Amino acid sequence: MDLRVSIASLSLRHPIMLASGILGTTPSMLIKAYNSGASAVITKSLTMSPRDGYPNPVIARVPCGLINAIGLANPGVKNYLDECLEVKDELTRISVIFSIAGFSVNEYVKVAELVTEYGIGKALELNLSCPHVEETRLFSEDPKLTAQVVRAVCDATSLPVFVKVGLTANISEVVESAIKHGASAITAINTIKAMAIDIRAKKPILAAKYGGLSGPAIKPIALRVIYDLYEEFKVPLIGVGGISSWEDVVEFLMAGATAIQVGTIVYKRGLRVFKDLLKGLMNFMHNEGFSSLKDLIGIAH
């Protein structure tokens, strides 16, 4: 059974990746996630300077998922890359994708240049859509800003550039702009702006008031976005948003995703979820007579 997929120059053993924001806070956790079954691992979003993010509480559990407002907390790209050097041999043997974020086009470029220079990453994923950091989110709400940052980053790196977009009314325009200016793939979708209120304290649970909703609640929305983008564009799509079961994986592939990412379900069930999802996918393919994963991609159209 052939489960391999390719996205630009990235060849994956199967389509199930670790999403950014989960476990990617340290290089050693990336290695652990890969060894547990992920086909590729994405770092937490890295900015040029270290960021403390928002004060606690930063995560609220809701019946349909999680709402988080981390605020792009990270040690800064240089510190993270220096930590990567300690396990460079192991990291360079696996598919590591660096998620990068910024507050200006120039910051995205500088982060991309540093990641490229260290030679550890296999691709970049531009986080243009963090729903609770307005300066970053604006890059995927205005197609002109999308064009500027994607073009500038693509000019500054030899790595394939994936663009992570959020749920916006003009998502087709944003994706068209990203592809036109050099994106190798589109990751969709980011978490969706949401909130929860503590009725005893009579105030929002999160210190930042608003956060990004992930988990099962957003899966049908993310699936619809992938289906629509597949109809409109030829670039590889990476589906993310509430994928919790092998059936969800199959749905996203049938909708047109070349690969998928999981995050919240890893937070809830741990690293064993990769092997569980893969086993379910393989059983489905065997029972339905599919010998190649590529035959599943987009079959629902």
Protein backbone atom coordinates (compact mmCIF):
# COMPACT_ATOMS: atom_id res chain seq x y z
CA MET A 1 0.00 0.00 0.00
CA ASP A 2 1.48 3.34 -1.08
CA LEU A 3 0.82 6.09 1.47
CA ARG A 4 3.50 8.50 0.25
CA VAL A 5 2.64 12.06 -0.72
CA SER A 6 4.72 14.95 -2.02
CA ILE A 7 4.30 18.67 -1.39
CA ALA A 8 6.77 20.72 -3.42
CA SER A 9 10.19 19.20 -2.56
CA LEU A 10 8.87 17.60 0.62
CA SER A 11 8.32 13.83 0.40
CA LEU A 12 6.27 12.36 3.23
CA ARG A 13 5.92 8.70 4.24
CA HIS A 14 2.18 9.32 4.83
CA PRO A 15 -0.12 12.37 5.04
CA ILE A 16 -0.54 12.85 8.83
CA MET A 17 1.51 15.74 10.20
CA LEU A 18 1.88 17.42 13.60
CA ALA A 19 0.33 20.90 13.48
CA SER A 20 2.09 24.01 14.70
CA GLY A 21 1.42 25.03 18.30
CA ILE A 22 1.34 21.52 19.75
CA LEU A 23 4.58 20.06 21.16
CA GLY A 24 6.71 22.14 18.82
CA THR A 25 8.05 24.26 21.64
CA THR A 26 11.31 22.29 21.79
CA PRO A 27 13.34 20.39 19.17
CA SER A 28 13.37 17.26 21.31
CA MET A 29 9.56 17.17 21.31
CA LEU A 30 9.54 17.44 17.52
CA ILE A 31 11.78 14.36 17.32
CA LYS A 32 9.55 12.52 19.78
CA ALA A 33 6.43 13.34 17.73
CA TYR A 34 8.09 12.15 14.52
CA ASN A 35 9.26 8.92 16.16
CA SER A 36 5.72 8.42 17.44
CA GLY A 37 4.38 8.37 13.90
CA ALA A 38 3.98 11.90 12.52
CA SER A 39 5.14 12.20 8.90
CA ALA A 40 6.27 15.79 9.39
CA VAL A 41 6.45 18.09 12.39
CA ILE A 42 5.88 21.82 12.51
CA THR A 43 7.49 24.07 15.09
CA LYS A 44 5.59 26.51 17.20
CA SER A 45 5.45 29.85 15.38
CA LEU A 46 8.76 31.67 15.78
CA THR A 47 9.31 35.41 15.71
CA MET A 48 12.52 37.40 15.44
CA SER A 49 12.60 38.40 19.12
CA PRO A 50 11.57 36.30 22.13
CA ARG A 51 7.96 36.81 23.19
CA ASP A 52 6.33 36.12 26.55
CA GLY A 53 2.87 35.97 25.02
CA TYR A 54 -0.27 36.66 27.02
CA PRO A 55 -0.57 36.13 30.78
CA ASN A 56 -2.46 33.11 32.12
CA PRO A 57 -5.01 31.74 31.65
CA VAL A 58 -4.22 31.12 27.98
CA ILE A 59 -6.34 28.00 27.36
CA ALA A 60 -10.05 27.44 27.96
CA ARG A 61 -11.64 24.02 27.53
CA VAL A 62 -15.07 24.08 25.92
CA PRO A 63 -17.31 21.09 25.10
CA CYS A 64 -16.44 21.24 21.41
CA GLY A 65 -12.71 21.88 21.64
CA LEU A 66 -10.17 24.35 23.00
CA ILE A 67 -9.84 28.11 22.90
CA ASN A 68 -6.25 29.32 23.19
CA ALA A 69 -4.67 32.73 23.33
CA ILE A 70 -0.97 32.03 23.70
CA GLY A 71 0.02 35.27 22.00
CA LEU A 72 2.82 33.74 19.90
CA ALA A 73 4.94 33.04 22.98
CA ASN A 74 8.31 31.68 21.82
CA PRO A 75 12.04 31.98 22.61
CA GLY A 76 12.85 33.84 19.40
CA VAL A 77 14.06 32.16 16.24
CA LYS A 78 17.79 32.49 16.97
CA ASN A 79 17.52 30.86 20.41
CA TYR A 80 15.31 28.10 18.99
CA LEU A 81 17.71 27.39 16.14
CA ASP A 82 20.67 27.29 18.51
CA GLU A 83 18.80 24.69 20.56
CA CYS A 84 18.19 22.74 17.35
CA LEU A 85 21.93 22.51 16.77
CA GLU A 86 22.24 20.24 19.82
CA VAL A 87 20.21 17.58 18.00
CA LYS A 88 20.93 18.67 14.44
CA ASP A 89 21.81 15.21 13.14
CA GLU A 90 18.45 13.81 14.26
CA LEU A 91 16.47 16.83 13.06
CA THR A 92 17.98 16.84 9.59
CA ARG A 93 16.87 13.22 9.11
CA ILE A 94 13.20 14.07 9.63
CA SER A 95 10.75 16.44 7.96
CA VAL A 96 10.80 19.59 10.08
CA ILE A 97 8.75 22.57 8.93
CA PHE A 98 9.40 25.90 10.59
CA SER A 99 6.33 27.99 11.34
CA ILE A 100 7.27 31.64 11.28
CA ALA A 101 5.36 34.77 12.29
CA GLY A 102 6.01 38.46 12.41
CA PHE A 103 4.68 41.95 12.76
CA SER A 104 6.11 43.31 9.52
CA VAL A 105 7.19 42.00 6.14
CA ASN A 106 10.80 42.64 7.08
CA GLU A 107 10.49 40.51 10.23
CA TYR A 108 9.10 37.56 8.26
CA VAL A 109 12.03 37.89 5.85
CA LYS A 110 14.66 38.01 8.58
CA VAL A 111 13.22 34.94 10.32
CA ALA A 112 13.05 33.07 7.00
CA GLU A 113 16.67 33.96 6.21
CA LEU A 114 17.88 32.66 9.58
CA VAL A 115 15.97 29.38 9.29
CA THR A 116 17.33 28.87 5.78
CA GLU A 117 20.88 29.65 6.88
CA TYR A 118 20.85 26.99 9.63
CA GLY A 119 19.90 24.28 7.13
CA ILE A 120 17.65 22.26 9.44
CA GLY A 121 14.16 22.92 8.09
CA LYS A 122 12.65 21.25 5.02
CA ALA A 123 10.03 23.98 4.48
CA LEU A 124 8.55 27.15 5.94
CA GLU A 125 4.95 27.63 6.99
CA LEU A 126 3.99 31.30 7.17
CA ASN A 127 1.57 31.89 10.02
CA LEU A 128 -0.38 34.80 8.54
CA SER A 129 -3.56 34.16 10.44
CA CYS A 130 -3.16 33.91 14.23
CA PRO A 131 -6.70 34.96 15.25
CA HIS A 132 -5.72 36.61 18.52
CA VAL A 133 -2.69 38.62 17.33
CA GLU A 134 -4.08 41.35 15.11
CA GLU A 135 -0.78 42.48 13.54
CA THR A 136 -0.14 38.96 12.24
CA ARG A 137 -3.74 38.20 11.31
CA LEU A 138 -3.93 41.21 9.00
CA PHE A 139 -1.50 39.53 6.58
CA SER A 140 -4.17 37.03 5.61
CA GLU A 141 -7.07 39.47 5.58
CA ASP A 142 -5.66 41.86 2.98
CA PRO A 143 -4.57 40.16 -0.28
CA LYS A 144 -2.13 43.02 -0.96
CA LEU A 145 -0.35 42.38 2.34
CA THR A 146 -0.41 38.64 1.61
CA ALA A 147 1.30 39.32 -1.71
CA GLN A 148 3.98 41.49 -0.12
CA VAL A 149 4.98 39.05 2.60
CA VAL A 150 4.82 35.89 0.47
CA ARG A 151 6.84 37.43 -2.37
CA ALA A 152 9.46 38.83 0.02
CA VAL A 153 9.88 35.55 1.90
CA CYS A 154 10.04 33.47 -1.29
CA ASP A 155 12.76 35.78 -2.58
CA ALA A 156 14.72 35.33 0.66
CA THR A 157 14.71 31.53 0.94
CA SER A 158 15.39 28.42 -1.11
CA LEU A 159 12.90 26.44 1.00
CA PRO A 160 9.34 25.75 -0.18
CA VAL A 161 6.91 28.19 1.41
CA PHE A 162 3.53 27.03 2.73
CA VAL A 163 1.00 29.72 3.66
CA LYS A 164 -1.39 29.14 6.57
CA VAL A 165 -4.62 31.04 6.11
CA GLY A 166 -7.52 31.69 8.41
CA LEU A 167 -11.27 31.80 7.90
CA THR A 168 -11.95 35.11 6.15
CA ALA A 169 -14.73 36.29 3.87
CA ASN A 170 -12.18 36.85 1.09
CA ILE A 171 -10.20 33.64 1.55
CA SER A 172 -10.16 32.89 -2.20
CA GLU A 173 -8.57 36.25 -2.95
CA VAL A 174 -5.98 35.72 -0.22
CA VAL A 175 -5.10 32.22 -1.46
CA GLU A 176 -4.92 33.41 -5.07
CA SER A 177 -2.54 36.16 -4.01
CA ALA A 178 -0.35 33.75 -2.03
CA ILE A 179 -0.09 31.30 -4.93
CA LYS A 180 0.56 34.02 -7.49
CA HIS A 181 3.48 35.30 -5.44
CA GLY A 182 5.22 32.00 -4.78
CA ALA A 183 3.42 29.82 -2.22
CA SER A 184 4.13 26.11 -2.77
CA ALA A 185 1.14 24.96 -0.71
CA ILE A 186 -1.77 26.32 1.32
CA THR A 187 -2.48 25.23 4.89
CA ALA A 188 -6.13 25.76 5.89
CA ILE A 189 -7.47 26.71 8.30
CA ASN A 190 -6.11 28.40 11.41
CA THR A 191 -8.17 28.50 14.60
CA ILE A 192 -11.27 30.72 14.64
CA LYS A 193 -11.62 33.76 16.91
CA ALA A 194 -13.82 32.84 19.88
CA MET A 195 -14.31 33.36 23.62
CA ALA A 196 -15.64 31.78 26.81
CA ILE A 197 -17.00 33.48 29.94
CA ASP A 198 -16.66 32.38 33.56
CA ILE A 199 -20.21 32.99 34.83
CA ARG A 200 -19.08 32.93 38.49
CA ALA A 201 -16.29 35.43 37.99
CA LYS A 202 -18.51 37.29 35.52
CA LYS A 203 -15.69 37.92 33.06
CA PRO A 204 -13.93 36.25 30.10
CA ILE A 205 -11.89 33.18 31.07
CA LEU A 206 -8.88 34.07 28.94
CA ALA A 207 -6.68 36.93 30.04
CA ALA A 208 -6.65 38.10 26.42
CA LYS A 209 -10.49 37.84 26.32
CA TYR A 210 -10.46 36.31 22.82
CA GLY A 211 -8.65 33.23 21.58
CA GLY A 212 -8.60 30.75 18.72
CA LEU A 213 -11.12 27.90 18.72
CA SER A 214 -9.77 24.50 17.64
CA GLY A 215 -11.13 20.98 17.84
CA PRO A 216 -14.22 19.16 16.52
CA ALA A 217 -16.34 22.34 16.38
CA ILE A 218 -14.39 23.72 13.43
CA LYS A 219 -13.88 20.49 11.47
CA PRO A 220 -16.88 20.85 9.13
CA ILE A 221 -15.85 24.44 8.39
CA ALA A 222 -12.24 23.50 7.64
CA LEU A 223 -13.41 20.60 5.48
CA ARG A 224 -15.65 22.93 3.46
CA VAL A 225 -12.77 25.35 2.94
CA ILE A 226 -10.48 22.58 1.65
CA TYR A 227 -13.23 21.33 -0.68
CA ASP A 228 -13.78 24.83 -2.09
CA LEU A 229 -10.06 25.58 -2.49
CA TYR A 230 -9.53 22.27 -4.31
CA GLU A 231 -12.21 23.25 -6.81
CA GLU A 232 -10.54 26.59 -7.46
CA PHE A 233 -6.78 26.04 -7.22
CA LYS A 234 -4.23 23.41 -8.32
CA VAL A 235 -1.68 23.98 -5.54
CA PRO A 236 -1.29 21.24 -2.85
CA LEU A 237 -3.57 21.76 0.16
CA ILE A 238 -2.82 20.84 3.77
CA GLY A 239 -6.01 20.41 5.78
CA VAL A 240 -6.14 21.28 9.47
CA GLY A 241 -8.97 21.96 11.88
CA GLY A 242 -10.62 19.56 14.28
CA ILE A 243 -9.37 16.30 12.78
CA SER A 244 -9.96 13.74 15.54
CA SER A 245 -10.45 10.35 13.89
CA TRP A 246 -9.28 8.32 10.90
CA GLU A 247 -12.66 9.01 9.33
CA ASP A 248 -11.87 12.74 9.52
CA VAL A 249 -8.55 12.09 7.78
CA VAL A 250 -10.31 10.26 4.96
CA GLU A 251 -12.83 13.08 4.59
CA PHE A 252 -10.13 15.72 4.22
CA LEU A 253 -8.26 13.62 1.66
CA MET A 254 -11.45 13.08 -0.32
CA ALA A 255 -12.15 16.82 -0.14
CA GLY A 256 -8.79 17.48 -1.78
CA ALA A 257 -6.13 17.75 0.92
CA THR A 258 -2.76 16.23 0.00
CA ALA A 259 -1.86 16.04 3.69
CA ILE A 260 -3.45 16.89 7.01
CA GLN A 261 -2.30 18.25 10.37
CA VAL A 262 -3.52 17.35 13.86
CA GLY A 263 -3.18 19.43 17.00
CA THR A 264 -6.00 19.46 19.55
CA ILE A 265 -6.46 15.69 19.40
CA VAL A 266 -2.75 15.24 20.24
CA TYR A 267 -3.25 17.56 23.21
CA LYS A 268 -6.15 15.39 24.40
CA ARG A 269 -4.99 11.84 23.55
CA GLY A 270 -1.23 12.04 23.37
CA LEU A 271 1.24 10.91 20.75
CA ARG A 272 -0.33 7.49 20.20
CA VAL A 273 -2.94 9.22 18.06
CA PHE A 274 -0.63 9.22 15.03
CA LYS A 275 -0.45 5.42 14.85
CA ASP A 276 -4.18 5.13 15.59
CA LEU A 277 -5.09 7.48 12.73
CA LEU A 278 -2.69 5.79 10.34
CA LYS A 279 -3.98 2.32 11.21
CA GLY A 280 -7.56 3.40 10.60
CA LEU A 281 -6.64 5.01 7.28
CA MET A 282 -4.81 1.88 6.11
CA ASN A 283 -7.68 -0.42 7.14
CA PHE A 284 -10.13 1.78 5.24
CA MET A 285 -7.97 1.77 2.11
CA HIS A 286 -7.56 -2.02 2.28
CA ASN A 287 -11.29 -2.63 2.76
CA GLU A 288 -12.24 -0.19 -0.01
CA GLY A 289 -9.65 -1.47 -2.48
CA PHE A 290 -7.33 1.53 -2.61
CA SER A 291 -3.66 0.66 -3.18
CA SER A 292 -2.42 4.26 -3.41
CA LEU A 293 -3.30 7.21 -1.24
CA LYS A 294 -3.14 9.48 -4.28
CA ASP A 295 -6.30 7.82 -5.59
CA LEU A 296 -8.20 9.13 -2.55
CA ILE A 297 -7.20 12.77 -2.90
CA GLY A 298 -10.10 14.80 -4.26
CA ILE A 299 -12.24 11.77 -5.06
CA ALA A 300 -15.33 13.42 -3.55
CA HIS A 301 -15.46 15.99 -6.37
